[in-house]
N, C-alpha and C. Protein backbone atom coordinates (compact mmCIF):
# COMPACT_ATOMS: atom_id res chain seq x y z
N MET A 1 79.14 -16.12 5.57
CA MET A 1 78.19 -17.01 6.21
C MET A 1 78.50 -18.44 5.79
N ASP A 2 78.41 -19.33 6.74
CA ASP A 2 78.62 -20.76 6.54
C ASP A 2 77.24 -21.41 6.61
N VAL A 3 76.83 -22.14 5.56
CA VAL A 3 75.50 -22.74 5.50
C VAL A 3 75.64 -24.26 5.41
N LYS A 4 74.88 -24.97 6.26
CA LYS A 4 74.93 -26.43 6.28
C LYS A 4 73.52 -27.01 6.16
N PRO A 5 73.37 -28.10 5.40
CA PRO A 5 72.06 -28.74 5.27
C PRO A 5 71.74 -29.58 6.51
N VAL A 6 70.46 -29.70 6.81
CA VAL A 6 70.01 -30.62 7.84
C VAL A 6 69.62 -31.91 7.13
N ILE A 7 70.23 -33.01 7.55
CA ILE A 7 69.98 -34.32 6.96
C ILE A 7 69.69 -35.29 8.10
N CYS A 8 68.68 -36.14 7.94
CA CYS A 8 68.34 -37.12 8.97
C CYS A 8 69.50 -38.08 9.17
N HIS A 9 69.94 -38.23 10.41
CA HIS A 9 71.06 -39.12 10.73
C HIS A 9 70.64 -40.59 10.73
N THR A 10 69.33 -40.85 10.71
CA THR A 10 68.84 -42.23 10.71
C THR A 10 68.70 -42.77 9.30
N CYS A 11 68.05 -42.01 8.40
CA CYS A 11 67.75 -42.54 7.06
C CYS A 11 68.34 -41.72 5.91
N GLY A 12 68.92 -40.56 6.22
CA GLY A 12 69.46 -39.70 5.16
C GLY A 12 68.43 -38.79 4.53
N GLY A 13 67.21 -38.77 5.08
CA GLY A 13 66.14 -37.94 4.55
C GLY A 13 66.47 -36.45 4.61
N LYS A 14 65.86 -35.70 3.70
CA LYS A 14 66.12 -34.26 3.62
C LYS A 14 64.84 -33.43 3.71
N SER A 15 63.75 -34.04 4.14
CA SER A 15 62.46 -33.35 4.28
C SER A 15 61.99 -33.50 5.72
N PHE A 16 61.56 -32.37 6.31
CA PHE A 16 61.24 -32.37 7.73
C PHE A 16 59.99 -31.57 8.04
N GLU A 17 59.26 -32.01 9.06
CA GLU A 17 58.26 -31.17 9.70
C GLU A 17 59.02 -30.34 10.73
N LEU A 18 58.56 -29.11 10.97
CA LEU A 18 59.25 -28.21 11.89
C LEU A 18 58.35 -27.83 13.04
N ARG A 19 58.88 -27.95 14.25
CA ARG A 19 58.23 -27.40 15.45
C ARG A 19 59.14 -26.31 15.94
N VAL A 20 58.59 -25.10 16.04
CA VAL A 20 59.40 -23.92 16.33
C VAL A 20 58.80 -23.11 17.46
N ASP A 21 59.65 -22.67 18.38
CA ASP A 21 59.28 -21.68 19.39
C ASP A 21 60.15 -20.45 19.13
N ARG A 22 59.56 -19.44 18.55
CA ARG A 22 60.31 -18.23 18.18
C ARG A 22 60.76 -17.45 19.41
N ASN A 23 59.98 -17.47 20.47
CA ASN A 23 60.35 -16.72 21.68
C ASN A 23 61.57 -17.31 22.38
N GLU A 24 61.64 -18.64 22.42
CA GLU A 24 62.75 -19.31 23.10
C GLU A 24 63.94 -19.55 22.16
N GLY A 25 63.70 -19.48 20.84
CA GLY A 25 64.78 -19.76 19.90
C GLY A 25 65.11 -21.24 19.84
N ALA A 26 64.06 -22.07 19.72
CA ALA A 26 64.25 -23.52 19.70
C ALA A 26 63.51 -24.12 18.52
N ILE A 27 64.13 -25.15 17.92
CA ILE A 27 63.52 -25.82 16.78
C ILE A 27 63.76 -27.31 16.85
N GLN A 28 62.71 -28.06 16.55
CA GLN A 28 62.80 -29.51 16.45
C GLN A 28 62.40 -29.90 15.03
N VAL A 29 63.17 -30.79 14.42
CA VAL A 29 62.82 -31.30 13.11
C VAL A 29 62.38 -32.75 13.26
N LYS A 30 61.42 -33.16 12.41
CA LYS A 30 60.96 -34.54 12.38
C LYS A 30 61.03 -34.99 10.93
N CYS A 31 61.83 -36.02 10.68
CA CYS A 31 62.02 -36.53 9.32
C CYS A 31 60.69 -37.05 8.78
N THR A 32 60.31 -36.59 7.58
CA THR A 32 59.05 -37.05 6.99
C THR A 32 59.15 -38.47 6.46
N ALA A 33 60.38 -38.98 6.28
CA ALA A 33 60.56 -40.33 5.76
C ALA A 33 60.49 -41.39 6.87
N CYS A 34 61.20 -41.16 7.98
CA CYS A 34 61.29 -42.20 9.03
C CYS A 34 60.72 -41.78 10.38
N GLY A 35 60.42 -40.49 10.56
CA GLY A 35 59.82 -40.04 11.82
C GLY A 35 60.81 -39.68 12.91
N THR A 36 62.11 -39.78 12.64
CA THR A 36 63.11 -39.43 13.65
C THR A 36 63.03 -37.95 13.99
N LYS A 37 63.04 -37.65 15.30
CA LYS A 37 62.98 -36.26 15.76
C LYS A 37 64.34 -35.84 16.29
N LYS A 38 64.66 -34.55 16.11
CA LYS A 38 65.92 -34.01 16.62
C LYS A 38 65.74 -32.54 16.94
N ILE A 39 66.22 -32.15 18.12
CA ILE A 39 66.25 -30.74 18.49
C ILE A 39 67.59 -30.20 18.02
N LEU A 40 67.55 -29.16 17.22
CA LEU A 40 68.77 -28.64 16.59
C LEU A 40 69.55 -27.70 17.50
N LEU A 41 70.85 -27.67 17.25
CA LEU A 41 71.80 -26.73 17.84
C LEU A 41 71.81 -26.82 19.36
N ASP A 42 71.56 -25.72 20.07
CA ASP A 42 71.59 -25.75 21.54
C ASP A 42 70.19 -25.75 22.16
N GLY A 43 69.19 -26.15 21.37
CA GLY A 43 67.80 -26.12 21.83
C GLY A 43 67.46 -27.11 22.92
N ASP A 44 68.27 -28.17 23.10
CA ASP A 44 68.01 -29.15 24.16
C ASP A 44 67.94 -28.48 25.53
N GLU A 45 68.76 -27.44 25.71
CA GLU A 45 68.84 -26.76 27.00
C GLU A 45 67.55 -26.04 27.38
N ILE A 46 66.75 -25.66 26.39
CA ILE A 46 65.55 -24.86 26.67
C ILE A 46 64.26 -25.53 26.20
N TRP A 47 64.35 -26.73 25.63
CA TRP A 47 63.18 -27.36 25.02
C TRP A 47 62.05 -27.59 26.02
N GLU A 48 62.36 -27.95 27.25
CA GLU A 48 61.32 -28.19 28.25
C GLU A 48 60.49 -26.94 28.53
N ASP A 49 61.09 -25.76 28.42
CA ASP A 49 60.37 -24.51 28.67
C ASP A 49 59.73 -23.94 27.41
N ALA A 50 59.97 -24.58 26.28
CA ALA A 50 59.47 -24.06 25.00
C ALA A 50 58.01 -24.43 24.78
N SER A 51 57.37 -23.65 23.93
CA SER A 51 56.00 -23.92 23.49
C SER A 51 56.01 -23.96 21.96
N PRO A 52 56.57 -25.04 21.40
CA PRO A 52 56.73 -25.08 19.95
C PRO A 52 55.42 -25.29 19.21
N ARG A 53 55.37 -24.73 18.00
CA ARG A 53 54.20 -24.89 17.14
C ARG A 53 54.64 -25.56 15.85
N LEU A 54 53.82 -26.50 15.38
CA LEU A 54 54.06 -27.14 14.09
C LEU A 54 53.81 -26.11 13.00
N ARG A 55 54.74 -25.98 12.08
CA ARG A 55 54.66 -24.96 11.03
C ARG A 55 54.19 -25.57 9.71
N LYS A 56 53.46 -24.75 8.96
CA LYS A 56 53.09 -25.12 7.59
C LYS A 56 53.49 -23.97 6.68
N CYS A 57 53.57 -24.26 5.40
CA CYS A 57 54.00 -23.26 4.42
C CYS A 57 53.05 -22.07 4.43
N ARG A 58 53.63 -20.88 4.45
CA ARG A 58 52.84 -19.65 4.46
C ARG A 58 52.22 -19.33 3.11
N VAL A 59 52.72 -19.95 2.05
CA VAL A 59 52.21 -19.65 0.70
C VAL A 59 51.18 -20.68 0.24
N CYS A 60 51.55 -21.97 0.19
CA CYS A 60 50.59 -22.97 -0.29
C CYS A 60 49.60 -23.38 0.80
N LYS A 61 49.92 -23.07 2.05
CA LYS A 61 49.03 -23.27 3.21
C LYS A 61 48.72 -24.72 3.55
N THR A 62 49.27 -25.67 2.80
CA THR A 62 48.95 -27.08 3.07
C THR A 62 50.17 -27.88 3.49
N SER A 63 51.31 -27.60 2.91
CA SER A 63 52.50 -28.42 3.17
C SER A 63 53.09 -28.14 4.55
N ARG A 64 53.51 -29.22 5.20
CA ARG A 64 54.24 -29.13 6.47
C ARG A 64 55.63 -29.73 6.32
N ALA A 65 56.07 -29.92 5.08
CA ALA A 65 57.37 -30.54 4.82
C ALA A 65 58.32 -29.51 4.23
N PHE A 66 59.53 -29.46 4.81
CA PHE A 66 60.53 -28.47 4.41
C PHE A 66 61.91 -29.10 4.30
N ASN A 67 62.71 -28.57 3.37
CA ASN A 67 64.15 -28.79 3.39
C ASN A 67 64.68 -27.70 4.31
N VAL A 68 65.70 -28.01 5.10
CA VAL A 68 66.18 -27.08 6.12
C VAL A 68 67.69 -26.87 5.98
N ARG A 69 68.12 -25.62 6.15
CA ARG A 69 69.54 -25.27 6.16
C ARG A 69 69.78 -24.41 7.40
N VAL A 70 70.99 -24.54 7.95
CA VAL A 70 71.40 -23.72 9.09
C VAL A 70 72.54 -22.83 8.64
N GLY A 71 72.38 -21.52 8.82
CA GLY A 71 73.41 -20.56 8.46
C GLY A 71 74.07 -20.00 9.70
N PHE A 72 75.40 -19.92 9.67
CA PHE A 72 76.17 -19.40 10.79
C PHE A 72 76.92 -18.14 10.36
N VAL A 73 76.71 -17.04 11.08
CA VAL A 73 77.53 -15.84 10.91
C VAL A 73 78.57 -15.90 12.01
N ARG A 74 79.82 -15.68 11.65
CA ARG A 74 80.92 -15.91 12.60
C ARG A 74 81.60 -14.62 13.07
N ARG A 75 82.17 -14.73 14.27
CA ARG A 75 83.03 -13.68 14.81
C ARG A 75 84.41 -13.83 14.15
N GLU A 76 85.28 -12.86 14.37
CA GLU A 76 86.64 -12.95 13.85
C GLU A 76 87.37 -14.16 14.40
N SER A 77 87.02 -14.59 15.61
CA SER A 77 87.65 -15.75 16.24
C SER A 77 87.21 -17.07 15.61
N GLY A 78 86.13 -17.03 14.80
CA GLY A 78 85.60 -18.23 14.17
C GLY A 78 84.39 -18.81 14.86
N SER A 79 84.11 -18.37 16.08
CA SER A 79 82.92 -18.87 16.78
C SER A 79 81.66 -18.22 16.18
N VAL A 80 80.53 -18.83 16.43
CA VAL A 80 79.26 -18.37 15.87
C VAL A 80 78.73 -17.19 16.68
N LYS A 81 78.29 -16.13 15.97
CA LYS A 81 77.65 -15.02 16.67
C LYS A 81 76.17 -14.89 16.31
N TRP A 82 75.72 -15.49 15.19
CA TRP A 82 74.31 -15.45 14.81
C TRP A 82 73.97 -16.71 14.05
N VAL A 83 72.76 -17.24 14.29
CA VAL A 83 72.26 -18.44 13.62
C VAL A 83 70.98 -18.11 12.86
N TYR A 84 70.88 -18.61 11.64
CA TYR A 84 69.67 -18.49 10.83
C TYR A 84 69.21 -19.89 10.44
N ILE A 85 67.91 -20.15 10.58
CA ILE A 85 67.33 -21.40 10.13
C ILE A 85 66.54 -21.08 8.87
N GLY A 86 67.00 -21.59 7.75
CA GLY A 86 66.31 -21.38 6.47
C GLY A 86 65.50 -22.61 6.12
N ASN A 87 64.36 -22.41 5.45
CA ASN A 87 63.52 -23.52 5.06
C ASN A 87 62.97 -23.30 3.65
N ARG A 88 62.73 -24.42 2.97
CA ARG A 88 62.15 -24.40 1.63
C ARG A 88 61.02 -25.41 1.60
N CYS A 89 59.82 -24.95 1.27
CA CYS A 89 58.65 -25.83 1.19
C CYS A 89 58.89 -26.87 0.09
N THR A 90 58.70 -28.15 0.42
CA THR A 90 58.92 -29.20 -0.57
C THR A 90 57.76 -29.29 -1.56
N ASN A 91 56.65 -28.62 -1.28
CA ASN A 91 55.49 -28.65 -2.18
C ASN A 91 55.57 -27.53 -3.22
N CYS A 92 55.75 -26.28 -2.77
CA CYS A 92 55.69 -25.14 -3.70
C CYS A 92 57.04 -24.44 -3.90
N GLY A 93 58.05 -24.80 -3.10
CA GLY A 93 59.39 -24.24 -3.27
C GLY A 93 59.63 -22.90 -2.61
N THR A 94 58.64 -22.39 -1.87
CA THR A 94 58.80 -21.10 -1.20
C THR A 94 59.92 -21.16 -0.17
N LEU A 95 60.77 -20.14 -0.21
CA LEU A 95 61.87 -20.02 0.76
C LEU A 95 61.44 -19.15 1.93
N GLY A 96 61.95 -19.45 3.11
CA GLY A 96 61.63 -18.64 4.28
C GLY A 96 62.58 -18.93 5.42
N SER A 97 62.30 -18.29 6.54
CA SER A 97 63.07 -18.52 7.75
C SER A 97 62.14 -18.30 8.94
N TYR A 98 61.90 -19.35 9.69
CA TYR A 98 61.05 -19.24 10.87
C TYR A 98 61.80 -18.79 12.11
N LEU A 99 63.14 -18.80 12.04
CA LEU A 99 63.88 -18.58 13.27
C LEU A 99 65.30 -18.10 13.00
N ASP A 100 65.76 -17.15 13.83
CA ASP A 100 67.16 -16.74 13.88
C ASP A 100 67.42 -16.16 15.26
N TRP A 101 68.67 -16.23 15.71
CA TRP A 101 69.00 -15.70 17.02
C TRP A 101 70.50 -15.44 17.14
N SER A 102 70.84 -14.58 18.11
CA SER A 102 72.25 -14.31 18.38
C SER A 102 72.77 -15.32 19.39
N VAL A 103 74.07 -15.56 19.32
CA VAL A 103 74.74 -16.48 20.23
C VAL A 103 75.71 -15.65 21.06
N ASP A 104 75.53 -15.67 22.38
CA ASP A 104 76.34 -14.82 23.26
C ASP A 104 77.31 -15.61 24.13
N TYR A 105 77.72 -16.78 23.65
CA TYR A 105 78.68 -17.57 24.41
C TYR A 105 79.71 -18.18 23.46
N GLU A 106 80.80 -18.60 24.05
CA GLU A 106 81.85 -19.31 23.31
C GLU A 106 82.39 -20.40 24.22
N PRO A 107 82.91 -21.47 23.71
CA PRO A 107 83.00 -21.86 22.33
C PRO A 107 81.66 -22.36 21.80
N THR A 108 81.51 -22.42 20.48
CA THR A 108 80.25 -22.84 19.86
C THR A 108 80.38 -24.15 19.10
N ASP A 109 81.51 -24.83 19.22
CA ASP A 109 81.77 -26.05 18.46
C ASP A 109 80.69 -27.11 18.67
N GLU A 110 80.31 -27.36 19.91
CA GLU A 110 79.33 -28.40 20.20
C GLU A 110 77.98 -28.07 19.58
N MET A 111 77.56 -26.80 19.69
CA MET A 111 76.29 -26.39 19.10
C MET A 111 76.31 -26.59 17.59
N GLU A 112 77.39 -26.20 16.94
CA GLU A 112 77.50 -26.28 15.48
C GLU A 112 77.40 -27.71 14.97
N GLN A 113 77.85 -28.66 15.76
CA GLN A 113 77.83 -30.05 15.33
C GLN A 113 76.47 -30.70 15.52
N ASN A 114 75.55 -30.05 16.20
CA ASN A 114 74.24 -30.62 16.51
C ASN A 114 73.19 -30.21 15.47
N ILE A 115 73.45 -30.59 14.21
CA ILE A 115 72.45 -30.34 13.16
C ILE A 115 72.11 -31.62 12.43
């Protein structure tokens, strides 16, 4: 598995609010430092049809700020076959994952660069 951090391209921030639609497999991050929003991976294609919900920590129940990592499981060809979105609550440190999905197309280079 190849794991990459999500970092704000505007300010370098590493803490985000998450809006997630588990049914559509779409996630938007909003930097808690500067407010920049970004739809990750290939979610732009389906964001208009999504019904995302703002997430809060399942353990401390108050925090809406997370560090985010994207994990890629690869085919033998090197393209992505599965994506995992990992999150860590910045308040209590709880680890979790609100979203994962399979990728049924190739090439995946453009999607991989959109984090």
